[in-house]
N, C-alpha and C. Protein backbone atom coordinates (compact mmCIF):
# COMPACT_ATOMS: atom_id res chain seq x y z
N UNK A 1 -0.72 -20.48 -6.77
CA UNK A 1 -0.08 -21.40 -5.83
C UNK A 1 0.58 -20.50 -4.75
N UNK A 2 0.45 -20.92 -3.39
CA UNK A 2 1.12 -20.34 -2.26
C UNK A 2 2.59 -20.62 -2.33
N UNK A 3 3.46 -19.61 -2.36
CA UNK A 3 4.91 -19.77 -2.34
C UNK A 3 5.48 -18.97 -1.12
N UNK A 4 6.19 -19.60 -0.27
CA UNK A 4 6.83 -18.96 0.88
C UNK A 4 8.23 -19.43 0.86
N UNK A 5 9.21 -18.48 0.71
CA UNK A 5 10.55 -18.68 0.58
C UNK A 5 11.32 -18.08 1.69
N UNK A 6 11.94 -18.83 2.64
CA UNK A 6 12.69 -18.37 3.76
C UNK A 6 14.10 -18.23 3.45
N UNK A 7 14.84 -17.34 4.07
CA UNK A 7 16.20 -17.05 3.85
C UNK A 7 16.84 -16.34 5.07
N UNK A 8 18.07 -16.34 5.20
CA UNK A 8 18.70 -15.56 6.17
C UNK A 8 19.37 -16.39 7.35
N UNK A 9 19.14 -17.67 7.29
CA UNK A 9 19.76 -18.54 8.31
C UNK A 9 21.26 -18.68 8.10
N UNK A 10 21.97 -19.29 9.17
CA UNK A 10 23.33 -19.43 9.12
C UNK A 10 23.74 -19.95 10.46
N UNK A 11 25.12 -20.08 10.52
CA UNK A 11 25.75 -20.48 11.88
C UNK A 11 26.24 -19.21 12.51
N UNK A 12 25.68 -19.05 13.71
CA UNK A 12 26.00 -17.87 14.55
C UNK A 12 26.47 -18.23 15.95
N UNK A 13 27.40 -17.49 16.43
CA UNK A 13 27.92 -17.75 17.84
C UNK A 13 26.83 -17.23 18.90
N UNK A 14 26.83 -17.91 20.07
CA UNK A 14 25.90 -17.48 21.12
C UNK A 14 26.07 -16.04 21.38
N UNK A 15 24.98 -15.36 21.59
CA UNK A 15 24.93 -13.92 21.80
C UNK A 15 24.83 -13.13 20.56
N UNK A 16 24.92 -13.70 19.42
CA UNK A 16 24.92 -12.92 18.16
C UNK A 16 23.55 -12.72 17.70
N UNK A 17 23.31 -12.09 16.52
CA UNK A 17 22.10 -11.74 15.94
C UNK A 17 22.14 -11.98 14.46
N UNK A 18 20.88 -12.14 13.98
CA UNK A 18 20.63 -12.25 12.58
C UNK A 18 19.24 -11.99 12.33
N UNK A 19 18.95 -11.75 10.92
CA UNK A 19 17.50 -11.49 10.53
C UNK A 19 17.10 -12.42 9.46
N UNK A 20 15.99 -13.13 9.67
CA UNK A 20 15.41 -13.99 8.70
C UNK A 20 14.36 -13.27 7.86
N UNK A 21 14.16 -13.70 6.63
CA UNK A 21 13.25 -13.14 5.69
C UNK A 21 12.42 -14.21 5.12
N UNK A 22 11.17 -13.81 4.72
CA UNK A 22 10.33 -14.68 3.99
C UNK A 22 9.64 -13.92 2.91
N UNK A 23 9.85 -14.40 1.65
CA UNK A 23 9.29 -13.80 0.50
C UNK A 23 8.01 -14.57 0.08
N UNK A 24 6.87 -13.84 0.02
CA UNK A 24 5.59 -14.56 -0.31
C UNK A 24 5.13 -14.17 -1.70
N UNK A 25 4.36 -15.17 -2.26
CA UNK A 25 3.87 -14.88 -3.52
C UNK A 25 2.58 -15.94 -3.68
N UNK A 26 1.78 -15.63 -4.71
CA UNK A 26 0.71 -16.60 -5.05
C UNK A 26 -0.52 -16.45 -4.25
N UNK A 27 -0.67 -15.37 -3.34
CA UNK A 27 -1.83 -15.13 -2.51
C UNK A 27 -1.85 -13.72 -2.11
N UNK A 28 -3.01 -13.29 -1.57
CA UNK A 28 -3.15 -11.91 -1.13
C UNK A 28 -2.40 -11.74 0.24
N UNK A 29 -1.20 -11.51 0.23
CA UNK A 29 -0.32 -11.44 1.53
C UNK A 29 -0.96 -10.56 2.49
N UNK A 30 -1.42 -9.30 2.05
CA UNK A 30 -1.90 -8.32 3.01
C UNK A 30 -3.21 -8.72 3.73
N UNK A 31 -3.86 -9.77 3.24
CA UNK A 31 -5.15 -10.18 3.77
C UNK A 31 -4.99 -11.19 4.91
N UNK A 32 -3.76 -11.62 5.24
CA UNK A 32 -3.54 -12.74 6.15
C UNK A 32 -2.60 -12.25 7.28
N UNK A 33 -2.90 -12.77 8.51
CA UNK A 33 -1.93 -12.76 9.53
C UNK A 33 -0.81 -13.73 9.09
N UNK A 34 0.40 -13.50 9.59
CA UNK A 34 1.53 -14.44 9.36
C UNK A 34 2.17 -14.70 10.55
N UNK A 35 2.86 -15.83 10.53
CA UNK A 35 3.70 -16.34 11.69
C UNK A 35 5.02 -16.92 11.34
N UNK A 36 5.92 -17.01 12.35
CA UNK A 36 7.13 -17.76 12.25
C UNK A 36 6.99 -18.89 13.22
N UNK A 37 7.38 -20.06 12.75
CA UNK A 37 7.47 -21.28 13.54
C UNK A 37 8.77 -21.91 13.37
N UNK A 38 9.25 -22.76 14.34
CA UNK A 38 10.51 -23.44 14.23
C UNK A 38 10.50 -24.79 14.70
N UNK A 39 11.36 -25.69 14.30
CA UNK A 39 11.59 -27.06 14.75
C UNK A 39 12.98 -27.30 15.03
N UNK A 40 13.25 -27.51 16.30
CA UNK A 40 14.57 -27.79 16.83
C UNK A 40 14.90 -29.36 16.58
N UNK A 41 16.20 -29.66 16.46
CA UNK A 41 16.56 -31.05 16.28
C UNK A 41 15.97 -31.99 17.35
N UNK A 42 15.26 -32.99 16.93
CA UNK A 42 14.73 -33.95 17.91
C UNK A 42 13.47 -33.45 18.64
N UNK A 43 12.94 -32.32 18.30
CA UNK A 43 11.78 -31.77 18.99
C UNK A 43 10.67 -31.56 17.94
N UNK A 44 9.52 -31.37 18.47
CA UNK A 44 8.35 -30.97 17.60
C UNK A 44 8.28 -29.44 17.24
N UNK A 45 7.41 -29.18 16.36
CA UNK A 45 7.39 -27.83 15.90
C UNK A 45 6.88 -26.86 17.10
N UNK A 46 7.33 -25.62 17.04
CA UNK A 46 7.06 -24.68 18.01
C UNK A 46 6.66 -23.32 17.36
N UNK A 47 5.46 -22.85 17.80
CA UNK A 47 5.14 -21.42 17.32
C UNK A 47 5.96 -20.46 17.98
N UNK A 48 6.48 -19.41 17.17
CA UNK A 48 7.42 -18.45 17.63
C UNK A 48 6.80 -17.13 17.75
N UNK A 49 6.15 -16.60 16.77
CA UNK A 49 5.62 -15.22 16.68
C UNK A 49 4.63 -15.01 15.61
N UNK A 50 3.74 -14.09 15.72
CA UNK A 50 2.69 -13.77 14.78
C UNK A 50 2.60 -12.28 14.66
N UNK A 51 2.06 -11.86 13.52
CA UNK A 51 1.71 -10.41 13.17
C UNK A 51 0.47 -10.38 12.51
N UNK A 52 -0.39 -9.36 12.78
CA UNK A 52 -1.69 -9.26 12.12
C UNK A 52 -1.51 -8.69 10.72
N UNK A 53 -2.67 -8.54 10.05
CA UNK A 53 -2.65 -8.20 8.72
C UNK A 53 -1.92 -6.85 8.30
N UNK A 54 -2.14 -5.90 9.10
CA UNK A 54 -1.57 -4.58 8.76
C UNK A 54 -0.33 -4.23 9.72
N UNK A 55 0.16 -5.27 10.44
CA UNK A 55 1.28 -5.07 11.21
C UNK A 55 1.15 -4.31 12.49
N UNK A 56 0.06 -4.01 12.91
CA UNK A 56 -0.24 -3.18 14.11
C UNK A 56 -0.28 -4.05 15.47
N UNK A 57 -0.34 -5.32 15.36
CA UNK A 57 -0.34 -6.19 16.44
C UNK A 57 0.59 -7.35 16.28
N UNK A 58 1.43 -7.66 17.37
CA UNK A 58 2.28 -8.81 17.33
C UNK A 58 2.14 -9.66 18.52
N UNK A 59 2.56 -10.90 18.43
CA UNK A 59 2.54 -11.81 19.62
C UNK A 59 3.82 -12.70 19.56
N UNK A 60 4.30 -13.10 20.74
CA UNK A 60 5.56 -13.82 20.91
C UNK A 60 5.36 -15.01 21.95
N UNK A 61 6.01 -16.12 21.54
CA UNK A 61 6.18 -17.11 22.56
C UNK A 61 6.98 -16.62 23.68
N UNK A 62 6.82 -17.17 24.87
CA UNK A 62 7.57 -16.72 26.06
C UNK A 62 9.06 -16.91 25.91
N UNK A 63 9.44 -17.98 25.19
CA UNK A 63 10.85 -18.29 25.09
C UNK A 63 11.64 -17.19 24.19
N UNK A 64 10.95 -16.50 23.41
CA UNK A 64 11.59 -15.53 22.51
C UNK A 64 11.26 -14.06 22.80
N UNK A 65 10.25 -13.82 23.54
CA UNK A 65 9.82 -12.47 23.82
C UNK A 65 10.93 -11.61 24.41
N UNK A 66 11.16 -10.36 23.86
CA UNK A 66 12.21 -9.56 24.28
C UNK A 66 13.46 -9.69 23.36
N UNK A 67 13.61 -10.80 22.72
CA UNK A 67 14.77 -11.05 21.83
C UNK A 67 14.44 -11.12 20.38
N UNK A 68 13.24 -11.45 20.02
CA UNK A 68 12.89 -11.58 18.66
C UNK A 68 11.83 -10.47 18.30
N UNK A 69 11.89 -9.92 17.09
CA UNK A 69 11.00 -8.96 16.53
C UNK A 69 10.43 -9.38 15.24
N UNK A 70 9.20 -9.45 15.13
CA UNK A 70 8.57 -9.88 13.83
C UNK A 70 8.12 -8.56 13.15
N UNK A 71 8.11 -8.48 11.81
CA UNK A 71 7.71 -7.43 11.01
C UNK A 71 7.28 -7.78 9.70
N UNK A 72 6.60 -6.88 8.97
CA UNK A 72 6.15 -7.31 7.61
C UNK A 72 6.17 -5.97 6.76
N UNK A 73 6.28 -6.20 5.39
CA UNK A 73 6.09 -5.16 4.48
C UNK A 73 5.08 -5.61 3.42
N UNK A 74 3.96 -5.24 3.46
CA UNK A 74 2.91 -5.65 2.58
C UNK A 74 3.09 -5.25 1.04
N UNK A 75 3.78 -4.07 0.98
CA UNK A 75 4.13 -3.71 -0.45
C UNK A 75 5.08 -4.64 -1.07
N UNK A 76 6.05 -5.06 -0.33
CA UNK A 76 7.09 -6.00 -0.88
C UNK A 76 6.62 -7.41 -0.69
N UNK A 77 5.57 -7.76 0.05
CA UNK A 77 5.15 -9.04 0.38
C UNK A 77 6.20 -9.90 1.03
N UNK A 78 6.78 -9.32 2.09
CA UNK A 78 7.82 -9.96 2.79
C UNK A 78 7.54 -9.94 4.31
N UNK A 79 8.05 -10.97 5.00
CA UNK A 79 7.84 -11.14 6.45
C UNK A 79 9.33 -11.21 7.00
N UNK A 80 9.54 -10.67 8.08
CA UNK A 80 10.92 -10.64 8.68
C UNK A 80 10.83 -11.15 10.17
N UNK A 81 12.00 -11.62 10.60
CA UNK A 81 12.17 -11.92 12.05
C UNK A 81 13.61 -11.55 12.38
N UNK A 82 13.71 -10.58 13.22
CA UNK A 82 15.02 -10.09 13.82
C UNK A 82 15.25 -10.96 15.06
N UNK A 83 16.33 -11.55 15.14
CA UNK A 83 16.70 -12.38 16.27
C UNK A 83 17.96 -11.86 16.95
N UNK A 84 17.87 -11.49 18.23
CA UNK A 84 18.97 -10.98 18.94
C UNK A 84 19.24 -11.90 20.17
N UNK A 85 20.51 -11.76 20.75
CA UNK A 85 20.99 -12.55 21.87
C UNK A 85 20.73 -14.11 21.66
N UNK A 86 21.19 -14.57 20.57
CA UNK A 86 20.95 -15.96 20.14
C UNK A 86 21.55 -16.93 21.33
N UNK A 87 20.85 -17.96 21.48
CA UNK A 87 21.31 -18.97 22.54
C UNK A 87 21.17 -20.33 21.75
N UNK A 88 21.94 -21.32 22.25
CA UNK A 88 21.94 -22.64 21.68
C UNK A 88 20.58 -23.28 21.57
N UNK A 89 19.60 -23.01 22.46
CA UNK A 89 18.32 -23.43 22.28
C UNK A 89 17.46 -22.86 21.11
N UNK A 90 18.04 -21.84 20.50
CA UNK A 90 17.39 -21.25 19.38
C UNK A 90 17.78 -21.99 18.11
N UNK A 91 18.68 -22.94 18.18
CA UNK A 91 19.00 -23.73 16.93
C UNK A 91 17.88 -24.51 16.46
N UNK A 92 17.41 -24.23 15.30
CA UNK A 92 16.20 -24.88 14.65
C UNK A 92 16.23 -24.53 13.21
N UNK A 93 15.25 -25.17 12.55
CA UNK A 93 14.74 -24.74 11.17
C UNK A 93 13.60 -23.80 11.32
N UNK A 94 13.66 -22.64 10.76
CA UNK A 94 12.63 -21.58 10.86
C UNK A 94 11.91 -21.56 9.64
N UNK A 95 10.53 -21.46 9.79
CA UNK A 95 9.55 -21.40 8.65
C UNK A 95 8.57 -20.28 8.93
N UNK A 96 8.18 -19.62 7.80
CA UNK A 96 7.04 -18.71 7.82
C UNK A 96 5.76 -19.46 7.37
N UNK A 97 4.59 -19.02 7.98
CA UNK A 97 3.37 -19.65 7.63
C UNK A 97 2.23 -18.61 7.64
N UNK A 98 1.17 -18.87 7.08
CA UNK A 98 -0.07 -18.01 7.08
C UNK A 98 -0.75 -18.35 8.41
N UNK A 99 -1.34 -17.26 9.06
CA UNK A 99 -2.22 -17.57 10.24
C UNK A 99 -1.59 -16.88 11.53
N UNK A 100 -2.41 -16.78 12.53
CA UNK A 100 -2.10 -16.15 13.87
C UNK A 100 -2.08 -17.19 14.94
N UNK A 101 -1.03 -17.16 15.65
CA UNK A 101 -0.91 -18.06 16.87
C UNK A 101 -0.55 -19.45 16.56
N UNK A 102 -0.70 -20.42 17.55
CA UNK A 102 -0.31 -21.74 17.28
C UNK A 102 -1.07 -22.46 16.20
N UNK A 103 -2.26 -21.95 15.85
CA UNK A 103 -3.01 -22.58 14.65
C UNK A 103 -2.17 -22.51 13.39
N UNK A 104 -1.27 -21.57 13.34
CA UNK A 104 -0.32 -21.38 12.08
C UNK A 104 0.46 -22.62 11.90
N UNK A 105 0.67 -23.37 12.96
CA UNK A 105 1.51 -24.60 12.75
C UNK A 105 0.87 -25.59 11.82
N UNK A 106 -0.48 -25.40 11.66
CA UNK A 106 -1.19 -26.39 10.84
C UNK A 106 -1.26 -25.93 9.31
N UNK A 107 -0.76 -24.76 9.05
CA UNK A 107 -0.80 -24.26 7.68
C UNK A 107 0.31 -24.69 6.87
N UNK A 108 0.39 -24.18 5.67
CA UNK A 108 1.43 -24.43 4.73
C UNK A 108 2.74 -23.71 5.19
N UNK A 109 3.80 -24.47 5.22
CA UNK A 109 5.11 -23.82 5.57
C UNK A 109 5.89 -23.61 4.35
N UNK A 110 6.94 -22.84 4.39
CA UNK A 110 7.92 -22.71 3.36
C UNK A 110 8.84 -23.76 3.38
N UNK A 111 10.05 -23.62 2.66
CA UNK A 111 11.04 -24.72 2.70
C UNK A 111 11.95 -24.57 3.85
N UNK A 112 11.92 -23.48 4.64
CA UNK A 112 12.61 -23.36 5.82
C UNK A 112 14.07 -22.86 5.62
N UNK A 113 14.56 -22.26 6.68
CA UNK A 113 16.01 -21.80 6.82
C UNK A 113 16.59 -22.20 8.12
N UNK A 114 17.76 -22.78 8.07
CA UNK A 114 18.33 -23.37 9.29
C UNK A 114 19.20 -22.31 10.05
N UNK A 115 18.88 -22.18 11.37
CA UNK A 115 19.72 -21.32 12.22
C UNK A 115 20.48 -22.26 13.20
N UNK A 116 21.86 -22.17 13.21
CA UNK A 116 22.64 -22.99 14.10
C UNK A 116 23.44 -22.06 14.94
N UNK A 117 23.18 -22.24 16.30
CA UNK A 117 23.92 -21.37 17.29
C UNK A 117 25.02 -22.25 18.01
N UNK A 118 26.22 -21.97 17.66
CA UNK A 118 27.25 -22.77 18.14
C UNK A 118 28.59 -21.92 18.23
N UNK A 119 29.40 -22.23 19.29
CA UNK A 119 30.70 -21.57 19.39
C UNK A 119 31.82 -22.41 18.73
């Protein structure tokens, strides 16, 4: 069974930072590109970032490029997302998924972790 468990969300003030983590199990983690997606209150899902199988290539949505950094550790089977300079529009539930690019929105998501940016 594919298990994806996100963690690290919380309530953060604008301009702050945090790091999200995703623990993967039940599949060959290193054989798949991985992505982060998010869904803001009242909005549809949005692809955020992807990383290829060995971590040598990354891609970001325009809205997060320069502020977010995706990384992975294939030995630990974990995926991370470092988020800097948080803004209210970053408020969303964040999920990790298998796959590269917007197609990853169609795959299995984890249970999610909520990021709330508020003063």
